[in-house]
Amino acid sequence: MTLIYILVSLLLISLISLIGVLYFAFSEKVLNKSLPWLVAFAAGALLGVGLLDLIPEGLETLGETSLYYTAGGIILFLLFEQVLHWHHEHHHDCDECENHKVMGYSVLVGDAFHNFLDGVIVASAFLVSVPVGIATTTAMILHEIPQELGDFAVLIHSGFSKSRALWFNLLSALVAVIGGLVAYFSLQSIQQVVPYIIAIGAGGFIYIALVDLFAELKTGKYLLVRLMQVVVLILGIIAMLLVKA
């Protein structure tokens, strides 16, 4: 019965986090107007999750050692992008559009890391008790909605079609189910690995926010727009703080 609770909760988290995305997917006018602001919000959300959620979690379990893994996560994501850039430079002519595509793939990898961890956390909570699991699921839903909206915006901005962005986002969200199943069937062993995954994931989120998304915030035509995007970025950080609280 516990496994059913876990699977239903994780599927619910994945589907609810895509409801807003579906709205944007079929409303192009709203999407075009909202895109720069959602990218800014996503940058803040990723930075907030990495610095204020994942890093403290890693420090709590691994101590200062976790910071080495966070640094390793930054390098890992840099290597990942370098490989993708090299591949596209040797197989495509449009450098600018392919560079944007690389950013989209990086976001998907980072989101998959995060969703896997969400699955592990939800499964662990239900193994404690059903009420704890339900409370954790509710928190995850609030956590995922703004982040998934931002991720979808980044995918569109990176050159993905709306349908591809929608399906990739769904596949990334469903990684949470894999995390839940792994945690349920091998909780003892996965508990030893989770802190390291958390620390590496923090590095990936920080890299994407600072290197990829922050660069996109420098392309606004007017100074006021750029300043307002910074405000939206801060709101993304605050949103993650509120969810964490």
Protein backbone atom coordinates (compact mmCIF):
# COMPACT_ATOMS: atom_id res chain seq x y z
CA MET A 1 0.00 0.00 0.00
CA THR A 2 2.90 2.34 0.78
CA LEU A 3 4.26 1.86 -2.73
CA ILE A 4 0.88 2.87 -4.19
CA TYR A 5 0.90 6.05 -2.10
CA ILE A 6 4.39 6.84 -3.34
CA LEU A 7 3.58 6.26 -7.02
CA VAL A 8 0.28 8.18 -6.94
CA SER A 9 1.93 11.11 -5.14
CA LEU A 10 4.85 11.30 -7.56
CA LEU A 11 2.61 11.05 -10.61
CA LEU A 12 0.45 13.81 -9.14
CA ILE A 13 3.50 16.01 -8.58
CA SER A 14 4.61 15.46 -12.18
CA LEU A 15 1.19 16.15 -13.70
CA ILE A 16 0.31 19.14 -11.52
CA SER A 17 3.65 20.76 -12.31
CA LEU A 18 2.73 20.51 -16.01
CA ILE A 19 -0.73 22.10 -15.80
CA GLY A 20 0.62 25.62 -16.08
CA VAL A 21 3.00 24.49 -18.82
CA LEU A 22 0.07 23.17 -20.86
CA TYR A 23 -1.58 26.58 -20.65
CA PHE A 24 1.54 28.30 -21.96
CA ALA A 25 2.02 25.61 -24.60
CA PHE A 26 -1.27 26.48 -26.29
CA SER A 27 -1.31 30.24 -25.71
CA GLU A 28 1.47 31.62 -27.88
CA LYS A 29 0.65 35.28 -27.24
CA VAL A 30 0.95 34.83 -23.49
CA LEU A 31 4.08 32.71 -23.93
CA ASN A 32 5.90 35.32 -26.00
CA LYS A 33 5.13 38.08 -23.53
CA SER A 34 5.95 35.98 -20.49
CA LEU A 35 9.09 34.25 -21.77
CA PRO A 36 11.77 36.77 -20.63
CA TRP A 37 10.18 37.06 -17.21
CA LEU A 38 9.87 33.30 -16.77
CA VAL A 39 13.54 32.89 -17.69
CA ALA A 40 14.41 35.45 -14.99
CA PHE A 41 12.17 33.66 -12.49
CA ALA A 42 13.76 30.33 -13.40
CA ALA A 43 17.24 31.75 -12.81
CA GLY A 44 16.21 32.89 -9.35
CA ALA A 45 14.46 29.62 -8.58
CA LEU A 46 17.44 27.50 -9.63
CA LEU A 47 19.83 29.72 -7.70
CA GLY A 48 17.55 29.61 -4.66
CA VAL A 49 17.23 25.83 -4.74
CA GLY A 50 20.97 25.35 -5.23
CA LEU A 51 22.24 27.81 -2.64
CA LEU A 52 19.48 27.80 -0.04
CA ASP A 53 18.15 24.25 -0.23
CA LEU A 54 20.56 21.70 -1.71
CA ILE A 55 23.82 23.11 -0.34
CA PRO A 56 22.51 23.30 3.26
CA GLU A 57 21.22 19.72 2.90
CA GLY A 58 24.64 18.57 1.76
CA LEU A 59 26.42 20.45 4.55
CA GLU A 60 24.11 18.92 7.13
CA THR A 61 25.04 15.36 6.18
CA LEU A 62 28.54 15.60 4.70
CA GLY A 63 29.89 18.74 6.32
CA GLU A 64 32.36 20.84 4.35
CA THR A 65 33.14 17.81 2.17
CA SER A 66 29.87 18.45 0.34
CA LEU A 67 31.30 21.71 -1.04
CA TYR A 68 33.90 19.71 -2.96
CA TYR A 69 31.09 17.74 -4.60
CA THR A 70 29.22 20.97 -5.33
CA ALA A 71 32.34 22.31 -7.06
CA GLY A 72 32.55 18.99 -8.88
CA GLY A 73 28.94 19.43 -9.98
CA ILE A 74 29.79 22.82 -11.50
CA ILE A 75 32.74 21.29 -13.38
CA LEU A 76 30.61 18.30 -14.42
CA PHE A 77 27.97 20.56 -15.98
CA LEU A 78 30.70 22.63 -17.64
CA LEU A 79 32.14 19.46 -19.19
CA PHE A 80 28.64 18.38 -20.24
CA GLU A 81 28.08 21.66 -22.07
CA GLN A 82 31.56 21.59 -23.60
CA VAL A 83 30.89 18.15 -25.08
CA LEU A 84 27.51 19.27 -26.45
CA HIS A 85 29.03 22.46 -27.89
CA TRP A 86 31.80 20.47 -29.55
CA HIS A 87 29.28 18.03 -31.03
CA HIS A 88 27.07 20.78 -32.44
CA GLU A 89 30.00 22.80 -33.78
CA HIS A 90 31.05 19.77 -35.81
CA HIS A 91 27.56 18.87 -37.05
CA HIS A 92 25.69 22.19 -37.41
CA ASP A 93 26.21 25.62 -38.93
CA CYS A 94 23.97 27.78 -36.71
CA ASP A 95 26.21 28.50 -33.72
CA GLU A 96 23.80 30.82 -31.92
CA CYS A 97 20.74 28.57 -32.10
CA GLU A 98 22.76 25.50 -31.13
CA ASN A 99 24.29 27.28 -28.15
CA HIS A 100 20.75 28.00 -26.97
CA LYS A 101 19.88 24.32 -27.46
CA VAL A 102 22.79 23.33 -25.22
CA MET A 103 21.38 25.51 -22.46
CA GLY A 104 18.04 23.72 -22.81
CA TYR A 105 19.65 20.29 -22.51
CA SER A 106 21.58 21.45 -19.45
CA VAL A 107 18.35 22.57 -17.79
CA LEU A 108 16.80 19.17 -18.50
CA VAL A 109 19.76 17.36 -16.91
CA GLY A 110 19.65 19.61 -13.86
CA ASP A 111 15.89 19.22 -13.56
CA ALA A 112 16.20 15.43 -13.84
CA PHE A 113 18.71 15.46 -10.96
CA HIS A 114 16.29 17.52 -8.91
CA ASN A 115 13.24 15.40 -9.74
CA PHE A 116 15.11 12.20 -8.87
CA LEU A 117 15.89 13.68 -5.46
CA ASP A 118 12.25 14.73 -5.05
CA GLY A 119 11.23 11.13 -5.68
CA VAL A 120 13.70 9.87 -3.08
CA ILE A 121 12.47 12.41 -0.51
CA VAL A 122 8.78 11.65 -1.08
CA ALA A 123 9.34 7.89 -0.86
CA SER A 124 11.36 8.29 2.33
CA ALA A 125 8.62 10.44 3.85
CA PHE A 126 5.90 7.86 3.14
CA LEU A 127 8.10 5.16 4.63
CA VAL A 128 8.04 7.21 7.85
CA SER A 129 4.23 7.62 7.81
CA VAL A 130 1.38 8.48 5.44
CA PRO A 131 0.72 11.94 6.98
CA VAL A 132 4.40 12.88 6.64
CA GLY A 133 4.31 11.66 3.04
CA ILE A 134 1.21 13.73 2.22
CA ALA A 135 2.73 16.85 3.79
CA THR A 136 5.95 16.32 1.83
CA THR A 137 4.01 15.80 -1.41
CA THR A 138 2.15 19.08 -0.87
CA ALA A 139 5.44 20.92 -0.37
CA MET A 140 6.87 19.33 -3.51
CA ILE A 141 3.88 20.46 -5.58
CA LEU A 142 4.33 24.06 -4.43
CA HIS A 143 8.04 23.73 -5.15
CA GLU A 144 7.64 22.27 -8.64
CA ILE A 145 5.01 24.57 -10.19
CA PRO A 146 7.16 27.74 -10.52
CA GLN A 147 10.28 25.76 -11.38
CA GLU A 148 8.62 23.70 -14.12
CA LEU A 149 7.06 26.85 -15.62
CA GLY A 150 10.49 28.44 -15.73
CA ASP A 151 12.10 25.31 -17.18
CA PHE A 152 9.49 25.17 -19.93
CA ALA A 153 10.16 28.81 -20.76
CA VAL A 154 13.90 28.12 -20.97
CA LEU A 155 13.33 25.16 -23.31
CA ILE A 156 11.24 27.32 -25.65
CA HIS A 157 13.85 30.07 -25.44
CA SER A 158 16.51 27.47 -26.28
CA GLY A 159 14.84 26.63 -29.57
CA PHE A 160 12.67 23.64 -28.65
CA SER A 161 9.27 23.46 -30.29
CA LYS A 162 6.33 23.71 -27.88
CA SER A 163 5.46 20.04 -28.29
CA ARG A 164 9.07 18.87 -27.77
CA ALA A 165 9.46 21.16 -24.75
CA LEU A 166 6.24 19.75 -23.31
CA TRP A 167 7.29 16.11 -23.75
CA PHE A 168 10.84 16.66 -22.53
CA ASN A 169 9.50 18.47 -19.47
CA LEU A 170 7.13 15.57 -18.82
CA LEU A 171 9.91 13.00 -19.15
CA SER A 172 12.08 15.03 -16.81
CA ALA A 173 9.25 15.26 -14.28
CA LEU A 174 8.68 11.49 -14.42
CA VAL A 175 12.27 10.90 -13.30
CA ALA A 176 10.81 11.53 -9.83
CA VAL A 177 9.00 8.19 -10.13
CA ILE A 178 12.32 6.43 -10.76
CA GLY A 179 13.79 8.13 -7.70
CA GLY A 180 10.83 7.02 -5.62
CA LEU A 181 11.08 3.41 -6.78
CA VAL A 182 14.83 3.29 -6.16
CA ALA A 183 14.36 4.70 -2.67
CA TYR A 184 11.51 2.32 -1.87
CA PHE A 185 13.35 -0.84 -2.92
CA SER A 186 16.82 0.11 -1.67
CA LEU A 187 16.39 2.81 0.93
CA GLN A 188 19.42 1.94 3.05
CA SER A 189 21.90 2.03 0.19
CA ILE A 190 20.34 5.07 -1.49
CA GLN A 191 20.45 7.07 1.75
CA GLN A 192 24.24 6.85 1.62
CA VAL A 193 24.31 8.19 -1.94
CA VAL A 194 21.68 10.94 -1.67
CA PRO A 195 23.91 13.54 0.07
CA TYR A 196 26.45 13.26 -2.73
CA ILE A 197 23.76 13.57 -5.41
CA ILE A 198 22.35 16.60 -3.57
CA ALA A 199 25.76 18.30 -3.49
CA ILE A 200 26.44 17.60 -7.18
CA GLY A 201 22.93 18.74 -8.12
CA ALA A 202 23.50 22.01 -6.23
CA GLY A 203 26.57 22.66 -8.36
CA GLY A 204 24.60 21.96 -11.53
CA PHE A 205 21.79 24.32 -10.57
CA ILE A 206 24.21 27.10 -9.65
CA TYR A 207 26.10 26.64 -12.93
CA ILE A 208 22.94 26.82 -15.04
CA ALA A 209 21.66 29.90 -13.19
CA LEU A 210 24.92 31.87 -13.23
CA VAL A 211 26.42 30.85 -16.57
CA ASP A 212 23.44 30.15 -18.83
CA LEU A 213 20.41 32.04 -17.54
CA PHE A 214 22.15 35.12 -16.14
CA ALA A 215 23.66 35.68 -19.58
CA GLU A 216 20.15 35.77 -21.05
CA LEU A 217 19.18 38.57 -18.67
CA LYS A 218 21.75 40.88 -20.29
CA THR A 219 19.98 40.98 -23.64
CA GLY A 220 17.08 43.30 -22.75
CA LYS A 221 16.82 46.40 -24.96
CA TYR A 222 15.88 48.84 -22.20
CA LEU A 223 17.57 49.41 -18.83
CA LEU A 224 14.24 49.39 -17.00
CA VAL A 225 13.42 45.96 -18.44
CA ARG A 226 16.79 44.60 -17.29
CA LEU A 227 16.27 46.00 -13.80
CA MET A 228 12.77 44.55 -13.62
CA GLN A 229 14.14 41.15 -14.67
CA VAL A 230 16.51 41.32 -11.70
CA VAL A 231 13.49 41.98 -9.49
CA VAL A 232 11.72 38.93 -10.95
CA LEU A 233 14.89 36.89 -10.38
CA ILE A 234 14.85 37.91 -6.72
CA LEU A 235 11.18 36.91 -6.55
CA GLY A 236 12.21 33.47 -7.82
CA ILE A 237 14.69 33.17 -4.95
CA ILE A 238 12.07 34.37 -2.45
CA ALA A 239 9.54 31.85 -3.80
CA MET A 240 11.97 29.00 -3.11
CA LEU A 241 12.59 30.37 0.38
CA LEU A 242 8.85 30.46 1.11
CA VAL A 243 8.41 26.89 -0.11
CA LYS A 244 11.38 25.75 1.96
CA ALA A 245 9.90 27.42 5.04
